[in-house]
Amino acid sequence: MLRSGPERPMSLPAADDPHSLRRELVAYVREVAAAVGVSVECTSCEVSDTVTAYVALNGRAPEFPGQDLMLLWNARQGWAVSVETAPGEPAVLVARLDGDVTPEPDLVRRFVAALLTTPADAGPRIPPQPMRDHGEPRRRRLA
């Protein structure tokens, strides 16, 4: 079970228990949304053949003026910030949070805040590219 604070286990329930997995993922995403300053209405989670989450962000990255940003999560790669795109188009990756796939919400908050406050003249952190949902996971979190 996910809990707030230093006692939080850094993993979600196994995929063979989709009800528990969804319940824990929703709770975790709500904590992350609160940490980054958005309401729960700005989030969604999916537990199906993939395990993913979405959080709409209230800010913009200096290197993408005029474009809305979203915080995306998947069970293999963790959190990433991407530019909002039209339905059916691949997301444009701004930055990925390396490390644990279920980091503390405050770490996600600091990651997002750093992206939103980087000076525009610093240039992009990584070249924008379509985001893909494949590749080797850093760490397996789900059975």
C-alpha atoms as a PDB file:
ATOM      1  CA  MET A   1       0.000   0.000   0.000  1.00  0.00           C
ATOM      2  CA  LEU A   2       1.299   3.486  -0.829  1.00  0.00           C
ATOM      3  CA  ARG A   3       1.509   5.869   2.099  1.00  0.00           C
ATOM      4  CA  SER A   4       2.635   9.455   2.469  1.00  0.00           C
ATOM      5  CA  GLY A   5       5.907  10.339   4.070  1.00  0.00           C
ATOM      6  CA  PRO A   6       9.209   8.531   4.530  1.00  0.00           C
ATOM      7  CA  GLU A   7       7.482   5.193   5.200  1.00  0.00           C
ATOM      8  CA  ARG A   8       6.060   5.082   1.652  1.00  0.00           C
ATOM      9  CA  PRO A   9       6.954   1.853  -0.144  1.00  0.00           C
ATOM     10  CA  MET A  10       8.381   2.781  -3.524  1.00  0.00           C
ATOM     11  CA  SER A  11       6.275   0.384  -5.570  1.00  0.00           C
ATOM     12  CA  LEU A  12       2.682  -0.242  -6.542  1.00  0.00           C
ATOM     13  CA  PRO A  13       0.742  -3.508  -6.125  1.00  0.00           C
ATOM     14  CA  ALA A  14       1.279  -6.227  -8.710  1.00  0.00           C
ATOM     15  CA  ALA A  15      -0.591  -6.013 -12.007  1.00  0.00           C
ATOM     16  CA  ASP A  16      -2.345  -9.312 -11.217  1.00  0.00           C
ATOM     17  CA  ASP A  17      -4.443  -7.340  -8.699  1.00  0.00           C
ATOM     18  CA  PRO A  18      -5.859  -4.594 -10.959  1.00  0.00           C
ATOM     19  CA  HIS A  19      -8.362  -3.271  -8.389  1.00  0.00           C
ATOM     20  CA  SER A  20      -5.696  -2.691  -5.755  1.00  0.00           C
ATOM     21  CA  LEU A  21      -3.318  -1.360  -8.368  1.00  0.00           C
ATOM     22  CA  ARG A  22      -5.877   1.178  -9.617  1.00  0.00           C
ATOM     23  CA  ARG A  23      -6.795   2.262  -6.077  1.00  0.00           C
ATOM     24  CA  GLU A  24      -3.148   2.792  -5.110  1.00  0.00           C
ATOM     25  CA  LEU A  25      -2.276   4.497  -8.406  1.00  0.00           C
ATOM     26  CA  VAL A  26      -5.191   6.919  -8.045  1.00  0.00           C
ATOM     27  CA  ALA A  27      -4.093   7.741  -4.478  1.00  0.00           C
ATOM     28  CA  TYR A  28      -0.488   8.281  -5.588  1.00  0.00           C
ATOM     29  CA  VAL A  29      -1.478  10.468  -8.565  1.00  0.00           C
ATOM     30  CA  ARG A  30      -3.712  12.557  -6.277  1.00  0.00           C
ATOM     31  CA  GLU A  31      -0.731  13.147  -3.991  1.00  0.00           C
ATOM     32  CA  VAL A  32       1.406  14.172  -6.965  1.00  0.00           C
ATOM     33  CA  ALA A  33      -1.343  16.480  -8.277  1.00  0.00           C
ATOM     34  CA  ALA A  34      -1.621  18.174  -4.886  1.00  0.00           C
ATOM     35  CA  ALA A  35       2.156  18.548  -4.742  1.00  0.00           C
ATOM     36  CA  VAL A  36       2.318  20.235  -8.168  1.00  0.00           C
ATOM     37  CA  GLY A  37      -0.675  22.437  -7.337  1.00  0.00           C
ATOM     38  CA  VAL A  38      -3.453  21.072  -9.527  1.00  0.00           C
ATOM     39  CA  SER A  39      -6.856  19.663  -8.624  1.00  0.00           C
ATOM     40  CA  VAL A  40      -7.794  16.014  -8.904  1.00  0.00           C
ATOM     41  CA  GLU A  41     -10.057  16.954 -11.843  1.00  0.00           C
ATOM     42  CA  CYS A  42      -6.849  17.577 -13.828  1.00  0.00           C
ATOM     43  CA  THR A  43      -5.773  13.935 -13.517  1.00  0.00           C
ATOM     44  CA  SER A  44      -6.577  10.542 -14.952  1.00  0.00           C
ATOM     45  CA  CYS A  45      -5.280   7.006 -14.505  1.00  0.00           C
ATOM     46  CA  GLU A  46      -5.575   3.869 -16.597  1.00  0.00           C
ATOM     47  CA  VAL A  47      -5.004   0.284 -15.564  1.00  0.00           C
ATOM     48  CA  SER A  48      -5.477  -1.987 -18.568  1.00  0.00           C
ATOM     49  CA  ASP A  49      -2.876  -3.543 -20.829  1.00  0.00           C
ATOM     50  CA  THR A  50      -0.812  -0.487 -19.813  1.00  0.00           C
ATOM     51  CA  VAL A  51      -0.612   1.295 -16.485  1.00  0.00           C
ATOM     52  CA  THR A  52      -0.491   5.059 -17.002  1.00  0.00           C
ATOM     53  CA  ALA A  53      -1.406   8.389 -15.432  1.00  0.00           C
ATOM     54  CA  TYR A  54      -1.885  11.968 -16.640  1.00  0.00           C
ATOM     55  CA  VAL A  55      -1.742  15.291 -14.797  1.00  0.00           C
ATOM     56  CA  ALA A  56      -2.473  18.585 -16.614  1.00  0.00           C
ATOM     57  CA  LEU A  57      -0.008  21.257 -15.514  1.00  0.00           C
ATOM     58  CA  ASN A  58      -0.733  24.924 -14.790  1.00  0.00           C
ATOM     59  CA  GLY A  59       2.501  26.282 -16.191  1.00  0.00           C
ATOM     60  CA  ARG A  60       4.516  26.468 -19.357  1.00  0.00           C
ATOM     61  CA  ALA A  61       8.133  25.724 -20.071  1.00  0.00           C
ATOM     62  CA  PRO A  62      10.139  28.722 -21.298  1.00  0.00           C
ATOM     63  CA  GLU A  63      11.324  26.791 -24.362  1.00  0.00           C
ATOM     64  CA  PHE A  64       7.700  26.000 -25.353  1.00  0.00           C
ATOM     65  CA  PRO A  65       5.894  29.355 -24.927  1.00  0.00           C
ATOM     66  CA  GLY A  66       2.194  29.247 -25.634  1.00  0.00           C
ATOM     67  CA  GLN A  67       1.986  25.468 -25.289  1.00  0.00           C
ATOM     68  CA  ASP A  68       0.291  23.617 -22.436  1.00  0.00           C
ATOM     69  CA  LEU A  69       2.234  20.958 -20.573  1.00  0.00           C
ATOM     70  CA  MET A  70       1.247  17.618 -19.110  1.00  0.00           C
ATOM     71  CA  LEU A  71       2.867  15.329 -16.589  1.00  0.00           C
ATOM     72  CA  LEU A  72       2.704  11.721 -17.787  1.00  0.00           C
ATOM     73  CA  TRP A  73       3.497   8.554 -15.845  1.00  0.00           C
ATOM     74  CA  ASN A  74       3.881   4.949 -16.903  1.00  0.00           C
ATOM     75  CA  ALA A  75       4.822   1.887 -14.918  1.00  0.00           C
ATOM     76  CA  ARG A  76       8.028   1.277 -16.867  1.00  0.00           C
ATOM     77  CA  GLN A  77       9.547   4.757 -17.044  1.00  0.00           C
ATOM     78  CA  GLY A  78       7.955   6.855 -14.309  1.00  0.00           C
ATOM     79  CA  TRP A  79       7.246  10.582 -14.741  1.00  0.00           C
ATOM     80  CA  ALA A  80       7.864  12.811 -17.754  1.00  0.00           C
ATOM     81  CA  VAL A  81       6.748  16.300 -18.740  1.00  0.00           C
ATOM     82  CA  SER A  82       5.489  16.645 -22.303  1.00  0.00           C
ATOM     83  CA  VAL A  83       3.868  19.277 -24.474  1.00  0.00           C
ATOM     84  CA  GLU A  84       0.118  18.770 -24.900  1.00  0.00           C
ATOM     85  CA  THR A  85      -0.627  17.631 -28.441  1.00  0.00           C
ATOM     86  CA  ALA A  86      -3.772  16.893 -30.412  1.00  0.00           C
ATOM     87  CA  PRO A  87      -5.411  13.499 -29.796  1.00  0.00           C
ATOM     88  CA  GLY A  88      -3.666  10.776 -31.764  1.00  0.00           C
ATOM     89  CA  GLU A  89      -0.399  12.716 -32.060  1.00  0.00           C
ATOM     90  CA  PRO A  90       2.636  11.550 -30.108  1.00  0.00           C
ATOM     91  CA  ALA A  91       3.515  13.643 -27.062  1.00  0.00           C
ATOM     92  CA  VAL A  92       6.553  15.915 -27.384  1.00  0.00           C
ATOM     93  CA  LEU A  93       8.907  15.094 -24.532  1.00  0.00           C
ATOM     94  CA  VAL A  94      10.276  18.040 -22.543  1.00  0.00           C
ATOM     95  CA  ALA A  95      12.069  16.110 -19.775  1.00  0.00           C
ATOM     96  CA  ARG A  96      11.972  12.785 -17.916  1.00  0.00           C
ATOM     97  CA  LEU A  97      12.468  12.332 -14.170  1.00  0.00           C
ATOM     98  CA  ASP A  98      15.112   9.636 -13.790  1.00  0.00           C
ATOM     99  CA  GLY A  99      15.278   7.273 -10.852  1.00  0.00           C
ATOM    100  CA  ASP A 100      12.506   5.441  -9.075  1.00  0.00           C
ATOM    101  CA  VAL A 101       9.279   5.100 -11.081  1.00  0.00           C
ATOM    102  CA  THR A 102       7.213   6.094  -8.021  1.00  0.00           C
ATOM    103  CA  PRO A 103       9.184   8.939  -6.422  1.00  0.00           C
ATOM    104  CA  GLU A 104       7.880  10.988  -3.518  1.00  0.00           C
ATOM    105  CA  PRO A 105       5.394  13.631  -4.679  1.00  0.00           C
ATOM    106  CA  ASP A 106       7.679  16.410  -3.417  1.00  0.00           C
ATOM    107  CA  LEU A 107      10.445  15.199  -5.744  1.00  0.00           C
ATOM    108  CA  VAL A 108       7.995  15.344  -8.654  1.00  0.00           C
ATOM    109  CA  ARG A 109       7.015  18.870  -7.540  1.00  0.00           C
ATOM    110  CA  ARG A 110      10.649  20.008  -7.548  1.00  0.00           C
ATOM    111  CA  PHE A 111      11.183  18.414 -10.987  1.00  0.00           C
ATOM    112  CA  VAL A 112       8.175  20.250 -12.434  1.00  0.00           C
ATOM    113  CA  ALA A 113       9.086  23.535 -10.725  1.00  0.00           C
ATOM    114  CA  ALA A 114      12.607  23.397 -12.186  1.00  0.00           C
ATOM    115  CA  LEU A 115      11.189  22.964 -15.685  1.00  0.00           C
ATOM    116  CA  LEU A 116       8.824  25.872 -15.301  1.00  0.00           C
ATOM    117  CA  THR A 117      11.427  28.277 -13.910  1.00  0.00           C
ATOM    118  CA  THR A 118      14.417  27.600 -16.167  1.00  0.00           C
ATOM    119  CA  PRO A 119      15.362  30.786 -18.059  1.00  0.00           C
ATOM    120  CA  ALA A 120      14.383  30.700 -21.738  1.00  0.00           C
ATOM    121  CA  ASP A 121      17.892  31.665 -22.822  1.00  0.00           C
ATOM    122  CA  ALA A 122      19.278  28.495 -21.246  1.00  0.00           C
ATOM    123  CA  GLY A 123      17.908  26.547 -24.217  1.00  0.00           C
ATOM    124  CA  PRO A 124      16.103  23.236 -24.143  1.00  0.00           C
ATOM    125  CA  ARG A 125      17.352  20.575 -21.775  1.00  0.00           C
ATOM    126  CA  ILE A 126      16.872  17.883 -24.389  1.00  0.00           C
ATOM    127  CA  PRO A 127      15.830  18.121 -28.028  1.00  0.00           C
ATOM    128  CA  PRO A 128      12.035  17.780 -28.334  1.00  0.00           C
ATOM    129  CA  GLN A 129      11.129  14.354 -29.626  1.00  0.00           C
ATOM    130  CA  PRO A 130       8.065  12.136 -29.872  1.00  0.00           C
ATOM    131  CA  MET A 131       7.587  10.166 -26.683  1.00  0.00           C
ATOM    132  CA  ARG A 132       7.528   6.419 -27.019  1.00  0.00           C
ATOM    133  CA  ASP A 133       6.093   3.945 -24.531  1.00  0.00           C
ATOM    134  CA  HIS A 134       8.550   1.123 -25.047  1.00  0.00           C
ATOM    135  CA  GLY A 135      12.097   0.247 -24.212  1.00  0.00           C
ATOM    136  CA  GLU A 136      13.711  -1.337 -21.248  1.00  0.00           C
ATOM    137  CA  PRO A 137      12.424  -0.255 -17.867  1.00  0.00           C
ATOM    138  CA  ARG A 138      14.884   1.095 -15.333  1.00  0.00           C
ATOM    139  CA  ARG A 139      13.366  -1.166 -12.709  1.00  0.00           C
ATOM    140  CA  ARG A 140      10.456  -3.551 -12.864  1.00  0.00           C
ATOM    141  CA  ARG A 141       7.689  -2.353 -10.593  1.00  0.00           C
ATOM    142  CA  LEU A 142       4.798  -4.529 -11.680  1.00  0.00           C
ATOM    143  CA  ALA A 143       4.583  -8.284 -12.074  1.00  0.00           C
END
